[in-house]
N, C-alpha and C. Protein backbone atom coordinates (compact mmCIF):
# COMPACT_ATOMS: atom_id res chain seq x y z
N MET A 1 0.82 -1.18 0.00
CA MET A 1 0.00 0.00 0.00
C MET A 1 0.87 1.26 0.00
N PHE A 2 1.93 1.28 0.80
CA PHE A 2 2.78 2.46 0.91
C PHE A 2 4.01 2.33 0.03
N ARG A 3 4.59 3.45 -0.32
CA ARG A 3 5.79 3.41 -1.15
C ARG A 3 6.98 2.82 -0.40
N ILE A 4 6.92 2.86 0.91
CA ILE A 4 7.93 2.20 1.75
C ILE A 4 7.25 0.94 2.29
N GLY A 5 7.61 -0.19 1.73
CA GLY A 5 6.92 -1.44 2.01
C GLY A 5 6.80 -1.82 3.47
N VAL A 6 7.81 -1.51 4.26
CA VAL A 6 7.78 -1.89 5.66
C VAL A 6 6.74 -1.07 6.43
N ALA A 7 6.27 0.03 5.88
CA ALA A 7 5.24 0.84 6.55
C ALA A 7 3.98 0.01 6.77
N ASP A 8 3.65 -0.85 5.82
CA ASP A 8 2.50 -1.75 6.00
C ASP A 8 2.70 -2.65 7.22
N ASP A 9 3.89 -3.22 7.32
CA ASP A 9 4.20 -4.12 8.44
C ASP A 9 4.15 -3.38 9.78
N ILE A 10 4.71 -2.18 9.80
CA ILE A 10 4.73 -1.39 11.03
C ILE A 10 3.30 -0.99 11.42
N LEU A 11 2.52 -0.57 10.45
CA LEU A 11 1.14 -0.18 10.74
C LEU A 11 0.34 -1.37 11.28
N ARG A 12 0.52 -2.54 10.69
CA ARG A 12 -0.14 -3.75 11.18
C ARG A 12 0.27 -4.06 12.62
N LEU A 13 1.57 -3.99 12.88
CA LEU A 13 2.09 -4.25 14.22
C LEU A 13 1.49 -3.28 15.23
N LEU A 14 1.49 -2.00 14.91
CA LEU A 14 0.97 -1.00 15.83
C LEU A 14 -0.53 -1.13 16.02
N THR A 15 -1.24 -1.50 14.99
CA THR A 15 -2.69 -1.70 15.10
C THR A 15 -2.98 -2.89 16.01
N ASP A 16 -2.24 -3.97 15.82
CA ASP A 16 -2.44 -5.16 16.65
C ASP A 16 -2.04 -4.92 18.10
N ALA A 17 -1.05 -4.05 18.32
CA ALA A 17 -0.53 -3.81 19.67
C ALA A 17 -1.36 -2.78 20.42
N ASN A 18 -2.32 -2.16 19.75
CA ASN A 18 -3.24 -1.20 20.35
C ASN A 18 -2.50 0.01 20.91
N ASP A 19 -2.44 0.17 22.22
CA ASP A 19 -1.84 1.37 22.83
C ASP A 19 -0.38 1.19 23.23
N THR A 20 0.27 0.16 22.75
CA THR A 20 1.66 -0.09 23.10
C THR A 20 2.57 0.86 22.32
N GLU A 21 3.59 1.37 22.98
CA GLU A 21 4.58 2.21 22.31
C GLU A 21 5.79 1.36 21.95
N PHE A 22 6.42 1.70 20.82
CA PHE A 22 7.62 1.01 20.36
C PHE A 22 8.70 2.03 20.10
N THR A 23 9.93 1.65 20.37
CA THR A 23 11.07 2.48 20.00
C THR A 23 11.49 2.10 18.58
N ILE A 24 12.27 2.96 17.97
CA ILE A 24 12.79 2.65 16.64
C ILE A 24 13.61 1.36 16.68
N PRO A 25 14.53 1.19 17.65
CA PRO A 25 15.28 -0.07 17.70
C PRO A 25 14.38 -1.31 17.82
N GLU A 26 13.30 -1.21 18.57
CA GLU A 26 12.37 -2.35 18.67
C GLU A 26 11.72 -2.65 17.33
N LEU A 27 11.35 -1.60 16.59
CA LEU A 27 10.75 -1.81 15.27
C LEU A 27 11.77 -2.38 14.29
N VAL A 28 13.03 -1.98 14.43
CA VAL A 28 14.10 -2.55 13.59
C VAL A 28 14.20 -4.05 13.85
N ASP A 29 14.18 -4.44 15.12
CA ASP A 29 14.28 -5.86 15.46
C ASP A 29 13.10 -6.66 14.91
N VAL A 30 11.92 -6.11 15.02
CA VAL A 30 10.71 -6.82 14.59
C VAL A 30 10.62 -6.92 13.07
N THR A 31 11.03 -5.87 12.37
CA THR A 31 10.88 -5.85 10.91
C THR A 31 12.09 -6.38 10.17
N ALA A 32 13.24 -6.43 10.85
CA ALA A 32 14.48 -6.91 10.24
C ALA A 32 14.92 -6.08 9.04
N VAL A 33 14.68 -4.77 9.11
CA VAL A 33 15.19 -3.83 8.10
C VAL A 33 16.03 -2.79 8.82
N THR A 34 16.71 -1.96 8.06
CA THR A 34 17.62 -0.99 8.66
C THR A 34 16.87 0.11 9.41
N ARG A 35 17.60 0.73 10.31
CA ARG A 35 17.05 1.83 11.11
C ARG A 35 16.53 2.96 10.23
N SER A 36 17.27 3.30 9.18
CA SER A 36 16.85 4.42 8.33
C SER A 36 15.54 4.10 7.60
N ILE A 37 15.36 2.88 7.17
CA ILE A 37 14.11 2.50 6.50
C ILE A 37 12.95 2.53 7.48
N VAL A 38 13.18 2.02 8.69
CA VAL A 38 12.13 2.07 9.72
C VAL A 38 11.77 3.51 10.03
N TRP A 39 12.79 4.35 10.20
CA TRP A 39 12.53 5.76 10.53
C TRP A 39 11.74 6.44 9.42
N ARG A 40 12.09 6.19 8.16
CA ARG A 40 11.34 6.79 7.04
C ARG A 40 9.90 6.30 7.02
N ALA A 41 9.70 5.03 7.31
CA ALA A 41 8.35 4.47 7.34
C ALA A 41 7.53 5.11 8.46
N VAL A 42 8.13 5.26 9.63
CA VAL A 42 7.44 5.87 10.77
C VAL A 42 7.12 7.34 10.46
N GLN A 43 8.06 8.05 9.85
CA GLN A 43 7.80 9.44 9.47
C GLN A 43 6.66 9.54 8.47
N LEU A 44 6.62 8.62 7.51
CA LEU A 44 5.53 8.59 6.53
C LEU A 44 4.19 8.38 7.24
N LEU A 45 4.14 7.41 8.15
CA LEU A 45 2.90 7.15 8.88
C LEU A 45 2.51 8.33 9.75
N ASP A 46 3.49 9.02 10.31
CA ASP A 46 3.22 10.23 11.09
C ASP A 46 2.67 11.34 10.19
N ASP A 47 3.27 11.53 9.03
CA ASP A 47 2.80 12.54 8.08
C ASP A 47 1.35 12.29 7.66
N LEU A 48 0.99 11.01 7.57
CA LEU A 48 -0.38 10.64 7.20
C LEU A 48 -1.35 10.74 8.38
N GLY A 49 -0.79 10.92 9.57
CA GLY A 49 -1.62 11.07 10.76
C GLY A 49 -2.13 9.77 11.35
N VAL A 50 -1.51 8.66 10.99
CA VAL A 50 -1.97 7.36 11.51
C VAL A 50 -1.17 6.89 12.71
N VAL A 51 -0.01 7.49 12.95
CA VAL A 51 0.75 7.23 14.17
C VAL A 51 1.23 8.57 14.71
N ARG A 52 1.66 8.52 15.93
CA ARG A 52 2.18 9.74 16.58
C ARG A 52 3.58 9.42 17.10
N ILE A 53 4.53 10.28 16.74
CA ILE A 53 5.90 10.11 17.22
C ILE A 53 6.04 10.89 18.53
N ARG A 54 6.55 10.20 19.52
CA ARG A 54 6.82 10.83 20.81
C ARG A 54 8.31 10.72 21.07
N GLU A 55 8.99 11.85 21.03
CA GLU A 55 10.43 11.84 21.25
C GLU A 55 10.72 11.87 22.73
N THR A 56 11.69 11.07 23.12
CA THR A 56 12.10 10.99 24.52
C THR A 56 13.58 11.31 24.63
N PRO A 57 14.00 11.80 25.77
CA PRO A 57 15.44 12.14 25.93
C PRO A 57 16.32 10.91 25.99
């Protein structure tokens, strides 16, 4: 569905996990793709308004 294929996987994971928060490293482990690809996918989903990024120190 998305131009970044892993975005589908991440969206499915987040939908199934309901209110659970994930870090980028956790999403990298689950999807088995690079950090930069995961980050781009998460940014795309954030731009579309389907996820919310919460930055922590």
